Amino acid sequence: MPEPEILPPGAQIPPPQAVRKPRSSWATAPATYLLVGINCAVFLAMVGSGVSIGTPTTEQLMHWGANNAGSVLINGEWIRIVTAMFVHVGILHLATNMWCLWNLGLLAEPLMGSVGVLAVYILTGAAGNLLSTDINWLWPIRDGAGGVFFPAGAGASGAVFGIAGALIVLLKSNRLPVPPFE
């Protein structure tokens, strides 16, 4: 895969190319396809083990690696900050996250490279899950009997929004030769 061209400050942006290159091959965006594949494989394994395809229970989600404030901050299960971004709350949740990841990943990977997309996905997904965990720790749900309930957190939304944020920063830069139609 060719390296992206970085233009010096003040350089002219090259004119847009008239022909759009097809980007449907695994080789053009391996990190994007890998991440979509892992997310789908985890969901298929969940469903194969008896988890509901549409409405998994909190216990089922936690068994597969979802996070919550109690598990992470009290029990020290910090790995859940990462595993939760591969666990989804039903087929609709998975489908919308993967559609966004696929579209944004195919745009991001030529600009950031495969390692960059993987790094942004993991780092921003983990940051989003950690923020969610901290907010739920500070403002837990209280039941009628005075008990505290920490909701489960799962999904790739934080990571997907992280890729979108990185793309916004990159696409606003005058130093990248990105054609306007992209």
C-alpha atoms as a PDB file:
ATOM      1  CA  MET A   1       0.000   0.000   0.000  1.00  0.00           C
ATOM      2  CA  PRO A   2       1.542   3.371  -0.969  1.00  0.00           C
ATOM      3  CA  GLU A   3       2.344   5.800   1.809  1.00  0.00           C
ATOM      4  CA  PRO A   4       0.162   8.936   1.962  1.00  0.00           C
ATOM      5  CA  GLU A   5       1.857  12.059   0.614  1.00  0.00           C
ATOM      6  CA  ILE A   6       2.339  14.818   3.200  1.00  0.00           C
ATOM      7  CA  LEU A   7       2.563  18.253   1.614  1.00  0.00           C
ATOM      8  CA  PRO A   8       4.662  21.045   3.142  1.00  0.00           C
ATOM      9  CA  PRO A   9       2.800  24.024   4.628  1.00  0.00           C
ATOM     10  CA  GLY A  10       1.610  26.421   1.939  1.00  0.00           C
ATOM     11  CA  ALA A  11       1.817  23.847  -0.866  1.00  0.00           C
ATOM     12  CA  GLN A  12      -0.959  23.638  -3.419  1.00  0.00           C
ATOM     13  CA  ILE A  13      -3.399  20.765  -3.125  1.00  0.00           C
ATOM     14  CA  PRO A  14      -3.272  18.609  -6.265  1.00  0.00           C
ATOM     15  CA  PRO A  15      -6.428  18.582  -8.397  1.00  0.00           C
ATOM     16  CA  PRO A  16      -8.894  15.764  -7.700  1.00  0.00           C
ATOM     17  CA  GLN A  17      -8.538  12.599  -9.711  1.00  0.00           C
ATOM     18  CA  ALA A  18     -11.372  11.942 -12.140  1.00  0.00           C
ATOM     19  CA  VAL A  19     -11.423   8.155 -11.713  1.00  0.00           C
ATOM     20  CA  ARG A  20     -12.303   6.623  -8.375  1.00  0.00           C
ATOM     21  CA  LYS A  21     -10.329   3.524  -7.458  1.00  0.00           C
ATOM     22  CA  PRO A  22     -12.348   0.496  -6.298  1.00  0.00           C
ATOM     23  CA  ARG A  23     -11.805  -0.217  -2.605  1.00  0.00           C
ATOM     24  CA  SER A  24     -13.566  -3.497  -2.029  1.00  0.00           C
ATOM     25  CA  SER A  25     -10.541  -5.764  -1.691  1.00  0.00           C
ATOM     26  CA  TRP A  26      -9.299  -7.106   1.643  1.00  0.00           C
ATOM     27  CA  ALA A  27      -5.795  -5.903   0.723  1.00  0.00           C
ATOM     28  CA  THR A  28      -6.849  -2.247   0.516  1.00  0.00           C
ATOM     29  CA  ALA A  29      -8.141  -2.068   4.105  1.00  0.00           C
ATOM     30  CA  PRO A  30      -7.050  -5.105   6.134  1.00  0.00           C
ATOM     31  CA  ALA A  31      -7.505  -3.484   9.542  1.00  0.00           C
ATOM     32  CA  THR A  32     -11.079  -2.457   8.763  1.00  0.00           C
ATOM     33  CA  TYR A  33     -12.024  -5.923   7.566  1.00  0.00           C
ATOM     34  CA  LEU A  34     -10.211  -7.507  10.528  1.00  0.00           C
ATOM     35  CA  LEU A  35     -12.083  -5.360  13.059  1.00  0.00           C
ATOM     36  CA  VAL A  36     -15.456  -6.003  11.406  1.00  0.00           C
ATOM     37  CA  GLY A  37     -14.609  -9.709  11.295  1.00  0.00           C
ATOM     38  CA  ILE A  38     -13.661  -9.891  14.983  1.00  0.00           C
ATOM     39  CA  ASN A  39     -16.821  -8.063  16.037  1.00  0.00           C
ATOM     40  CA  CYS A  40     -19.007 -10.358  13.912  1.00  0.00           C
ATOM     41  CA  ALA A  41     -17.161 -13.497  15.099  1.00  0.00           C
ATOM     42  CA  VAL A  42     -17.687 -12.548  18.752  1.00  0.00           C
ATOM     43  CA  PHE A  43     -21.384 -11.955  18.094  1.00  0.00           C
ATOM     44  CA  LEU A  44     -21.749 -15.271  16.247  1.00  0.00           C
ATOM     45  CA  ALA A  45     -19.998 -17.053  19.130  1.00  0.00           C
ATOM     46  CA  MET A  46     -22.372 -15.346  21.582  1.00  0.00           C
ATOM     47  CA  VAL A  47     -25.441 -16.412  19.598  1.00  0.00           C
ATOM     48  CA  GLY A  48     -24.004 -19.908  19.109  1.00  0.00           C
ATOM     49  CA  SER A  49     -23.687 -20.290  22.864  1.00  0.00           C
ATOM     50  CA  GLY A  50     -27.354 -19.437  23.404  1.00  0.00           C
ATOM     51  CA  VAL A  51     -27.296 -15.644  23.795  1.00  0.00           C
ATOM     52  CA  SER A  52     -30.410 -13.975  22.371  1.00  0.00           C
ATOM     53  CA  ILE A  53     -29.835 -12.531  18.893  1.00  0.00           C
ATOM     54  CA  GLY A  54     -32.006  -9.494  19.655  1.00  0.00           C
ATOM     55  CA  THR A  55     -32.032  -8.881  23.407  1.00  0.00           C
ATOM     56  CA  PRO A  56     -29.189 -10.434  25.387  1.00  0.00           C
ATOM     57  CA  THR A  57     -29.420 -10.209  29.163  1.00  0.00           C
ATOM     58  CA  THR A  58     -27.015  -8.175  31.266  1.00  0.00           C
ATOM     59  CA  GLU A  59     -25.577 -11.404  32.679  1.00  0.00           C
ATOM     60  CA  GLN A  60     -24.941 -12.749  29.169  1.00  0.00           C
ATOM     61  CA  LEU A  61     -23.240  -9.521  28.114  1.00  0.00           C
ATOM     62  CA  MET A  62     -21.062  -9.503  31.216  1.00  0.00           C
ATOM     63  CA  HIS A  63     -20.111 -13.149  30.615  1.00  0.00           C
ATOM     64  CA  TRP A  64     -18.835 -12.205  27.140  1.00  0.00           C
ATOM     65  CA  GLY A  65     -16.781  -9.191  28.278  1.00  0.00           C
ATOM     66  CA  ALA A  66     -19.069  -6.173  28.599  1.00  0.00           C
ATOM     67  CA  ASN A  67     -17.996  -3.686  31.235  1.00  0.00           C
ATOM     68  CA  ASN A  68     -19.605  -1.953  34.175  1.00  0.00           C
ATOM     69  CA  ALA A  69     -18.301   0.226  36.960  1.00  0.00           C
ATOM     70  CA  GLY A  70     -18.467  -2.506  39.592  1.00  0.00           C
ATOM     71  CA  SER A  71     -16.542  -5.086  37.573  1.00  0.00           C
ATOM     72  CA  VAL A  72     -13.851  -2.659  36.467  1.00  0.00           C
ATOM     73  CA  LEU A  73     -13.378  -0.362  39.448  1.00  0.00           C
ATOM     74  CA  ILE A  74     -14.263  -2.686  42.337  1.00  0.00           C
ATOM     75  CA  ASN A  75     -13.214  -6.106  41.003  1.00  0.00           C
ATOM     76  CA  GLY A  76     -10.254  -4.777  38.999  1.00  0.00           C
ATOM     77  CA  GLU A  77     -11.318  -6.399  35.706  1.00  0.00           C
ATOM     78  CA  TRP A  78      -9.617  -3.736  33.588  1.00  0.00           C
ATOM     79  CA  ILE A  79      -9.516  -5.939  30.484  1.00  0.00           C
ATOM     80  CA  ARG A  80     -13.267  -5.264  30.138  1.00  0.00           C
ATOM     81  CA  ILE A  81     -12.404  -1.727  29.007  1.00  0.00           C
ATOM     82  CA  VAL A  82     -11.064  -3.350  25.805  1.00  0.00           C
ATOM     83  CA  THR A  83     -13.252  -6.465  25.478  1.00  0.00           C
ATOM     84  CA  ALA A  84     -16.478  -4.452  25.736  1.00  0.00           C
ATOM     85  CA  MET A  85     -15.833  -2.831  22.351  1.00  0.00           C
ATOM     86  CA  PHE A  86     -16.225  -6.241  20.681  1.00  0.00           C
ATOM     87  CA  VAL A  87     -19.463  -7.251  22.479  1.00  0.00           C
ATOM     88  CA  HIS A  88     -22.790  -6.043  21.074  1.00  0.00           C
ATOM     89  CA  VAL A  89     -26.305  -5.814  22.505  1.00  0.00           C
ATOM     90  CA  GLY A  90     -28.176  -7.557  19.697  1.00  0.00           C
ATOM     91  CA  ILE A  91     -28.026  -7.840  15.926  1.00  0.00           C
ATOM     92  CA  LEU A  92     -29.273  -4.289  15.257  1.00  0.00           C
ATOM     93  CA  HIS A  93     -26.565  -2.832  17.513  1.00  0.00           C
ATOM     94  CA  LEU A  94     -23.924  -4.927  15.733  1.00  0.00           C
ATOM     95  CA  ALA A  95     -25.238  -4.075  12.258  1.00  0.00           C
ATOM     96  CA  THR A  96     -25.268  -0.303  12.794  1.00  0.00           C
ATOM     97  CA  ASN A  97     -21.831  -0.272  14.452  1.00  0.00           C
ATOM     98  CA  MET A  98     -20.297  -2.437  11.719  1.00  0.00           C
ATOM     99  CA  TRP A  99     -21.874  -0.427   8.892  1.00  0.00           C
ATOM    100  CA  CYS A 100     -20.344   2.752  10.336  1.00  0.00           C
ATOM    101  CA  LEU A 101     -16.994   1.066  11.028  1.00  0.00           C
ATOM    102  CA  TRP A 102     -16.820  -0.346   7.508  1.00  0.00           C
ATOM    103  CA  ASN A 103     -17.583   2.992   5.829  1.00  0.00           C
ATOM    104  CA  LEU A 104     -15.317   5.081   8.050  1.00  0.00           C
ATOM    105  CA  GLY A 105     -12.559   2.463   8.045  1.00  0.00           C
ATOM    106  CA  LEU A 106     -12.425   2.308   4.244  1.00  0.00           C
ATOM    107  CA  LEU A 107     -12.000   6.088   4.175  1.00  0.00           C
ATOM    108  CA  ALA A 108      -9.548   6.216   7.087  1.00  0.00           C
ATOM    109  CA  GLU A 109      -7.201   3.373   6.246  1.00  0.00           C
ATOM    110  CA  PRO A 110      -5.612   4.944   3.137  1.00  0.00           C
ATOM    111  CA  LEU A 111      -4.933   8.074   5.211  1.00  0.00           C
ATOM    112  CA  MET A 112      -3.854   6.528   8.532  1.00  0.00           C
ATOM    113  CA  GLY A 113      -2.599   3.126   7.472  1.00  0.00           C
ATOM    114  CA  SER A 114      -3.677  -0.176   8.978  1.00  0.00           C
ATOM    115  CA  VAL A 115      -1.745   0.271  12.218  1.00  0.00           C
ATOM    116  CA  GLY A 116      -3.191   3.759  12.599  1.00  0.00           C
ATOM    117  CA  VAL A 117      -6.777   2.520  12.215  1.00  0.00           C
ATOM    118  CA  LEU A 118      -6.182  -0.299  14.723  1.00  0.00           C
ATOM    119  CA  ALA A 119      -4.561   2.122  17.169  1.00  0.00           C
ATOM    120  CA  VAL A 120      -7.331   4.702  16.870  1.00  0.00           C
ATOM    121  CA  TYR A 121     -10.008   1.989  17.237  1.00  0.00           C
ATOM    122  CA  ILE A 122      -8.461   0.471  20.378  1.00  0.00           C
ATOM    123  CA  LEU A 123      -7.393   3.724  22.046  1.00  0.00           C
ATOM    124  CA  THR A 124     -10.581   5.698  21.451  1.00  0.00           C
ATOM    125  CA  GLY A 125     -12.805   2.688  22.175  1.00  0.00           C
ATOM    126  CA  ALA A 126     -10.986   2.091  25.459  1.00  0.00           C
ATOM    127  CA  ALA A 127     -11.154   5.805  26.326  1.00  0.00           C
ATOM    128  CA  GLY A 128     -14.897   5.879  25.634  1.00  0.00           C
ATOM    129  CA  ASN A 129     -15.477   2.747  27.729  1.00  0.00           C
ATOM    130  CA  LEU A 130     -13.389   4.136  30.572  1.00  0.00           C
ATOM    131  CA  LEU A 131     -15.337   7.402  30.497  1.00  0.00           C
ATOM    132  CA  SER A 132     -18.629   5.482  30.501  1.00  0.00           C
ATOM    133  CA  THR A 133     -17.415   3.367  33.422  1.00  0.00           C
ATOM    134  CA  ASP A 134     -16.389   6.456  35.393  1.00  0.00           C
ATOM    135  CA  ILE A 135     -19.702   8.235  34.734  1.00  0.00           C
ATOM    136  CA  ASN A 136     -21.654   5.164  35.836  1.00  0.00           C
ATOM    137  CA  TRP A 137     -19.504   4.992  38.970  1.00  0.00           C
ATOM    138  CA  LEU A 138     -20.293   8.612  39.830  1.00  0.00           C
ATOM    139  CA  TRP A 139     -23.998   8.385  38.965  1.00  0.00           C
ATOM    140  CA  PRO A 140     -25.132   4.770  39.423  1.00  0.00           C
ATOM    141  CA  ILE A 141     -28.720   3.636  38.986  1.00  0.00           C
ATOM    142  CA  ARG A 142     -30.470   3.176  42.330  1.00  0.00           C
ATOM    143  CA  ASP A 143     -33.173   0.581  42.740  1.00  0.00           C
ATOM    144  CA  GLY A 144     -36.251   1.060  44.949  1.00  0.00           C
ATOM    145  CA  ALA A 145     -34.704  -0.848  47.871  1.00  0.00           C
ATOM    146  CA  GLY A 146     -31.719   1.497  48.218  1.00  0.00           C
ATOM    147  CA  GLY A 147     -29.348  -0.749  46.244  1.00  0.00           C
ATOM    148  CA  VAL A 148     -26.999   0.395  43.525  1.00  0.00           C
ATOM    149  CA  PHE A 149     -26.982  -0.985  39.994  1.00  0.00           C
ATOM    150  CA  PHE A 150     -24.190  -0.402  37.494  1.00  0.00           C
ATOM    151  CA  PRO A 151     -25.434  -0.858  33.901  1.00  0.00           C
ATOM    152  CA  ALA A 152     -23.450  -2.960  31.436  1.00  0.00           C
ATOM    153  CA  GLY A 153     -21.604  -1.168  28.672  1.00  0.00           C
ATOM    154  CA  ALA A 154     -20.855  -2.789  25.325  1.00  0.00           C
ATOM    155  CA  GLY A 155     -20.327  -1.974  21.669  1.00  0.00           C
ATOM    156  CA  ALA A 156     -17.939  -0.361  19.224  1.00  0.00           C
ATOM    157  CA  SER A 157     -19.606   3.068  19.184  1.00  0.00           C
ATOM    158  CA  GLY A 158     -16.822   4.828  21.087  1.00  0.00           C
ATOM    159  CA  ALA A 159     -14.192   3.362  18.763  1.00  0.00           C
ATOM    160  CA  VAL A 160     -16.232   4.231  15.663  1.00  0.00           C
ATOM    161  CA  PHE A 161     -16.711   7.811  16.837  1.00  0.00           C
ATOM    162  CA  GLY A 162     -12.972   7.921  17.540  1.00  0.00           C
ATOM    163  CA  ILE A 163     -12.230   6.996  13.931  1.00  0.00           C
ATOM    164  CA  ALA A 164     -14.718   9.644  12.783  1.00  0.00           C
ATOM    165  CA  GLY A 165     -12.972  12.238  14.974  1.00  0.00           C
ATOM    166  CA  ALA A 166      -9.539  11.319  13.642  1.00  0.00           C
ATOM    167  CA  LEU A 167     -10.879  11.563  10.092  1.00  0.00           C
ATOM    168  CA  ILE A 168     -12.302  15.013  10.753  1.00  0.00           C
ATOM    169  CA  VAL A 169      -8.904  16.207  11.958  1.00  0.00           C
ATOM    170  CA  LEU A 170      -7.130  14.644   8.975  1.00  0.00           C
ATOM    171  CA  LEU A 171      -9.606  15.829   6.376  1.00  0.00           C
ATOM    172  CA  LYS A 172      -9.492  19.434   7.657  1.00  0.00           C
ATOM    173  CA  SER A 173      -5.727  19.470   7.172  1.00  0.00           C
ATOM    174  CA  ASN A 174      -4.489  21.255   4.062  1.00  0.00           C
ATOM    175  CA  ARG A 175      -1.419  19.013   4.075  1.00  0.00           C
ATOM    176  CA  LEU A 176      -3.238  15.901   2.887  1.00  0.00           C
ATOM    177  CA  PRO A 177      -3.986  15.558  -0.823  1.00  0.00           C
ATOM    178  CA  VAL A 178      -7.592  14.357  -0.364  1.00  0.00           C
ATOM    179  CA  PRO A 179      -9.812  14.902  -3.386  1.00  0.00           C
ATOM    180  CA  PRO A 180     -13.041  16.804  -2.564  1.00  0.00           C
ATOM    181  CA  PHE A 181     -15.280  13.869  -3.592  1.00  0.00           C
ATOM    182  CA  GLU A 182     -13.688  11.765  -0.860  1.00  0.00           C
END
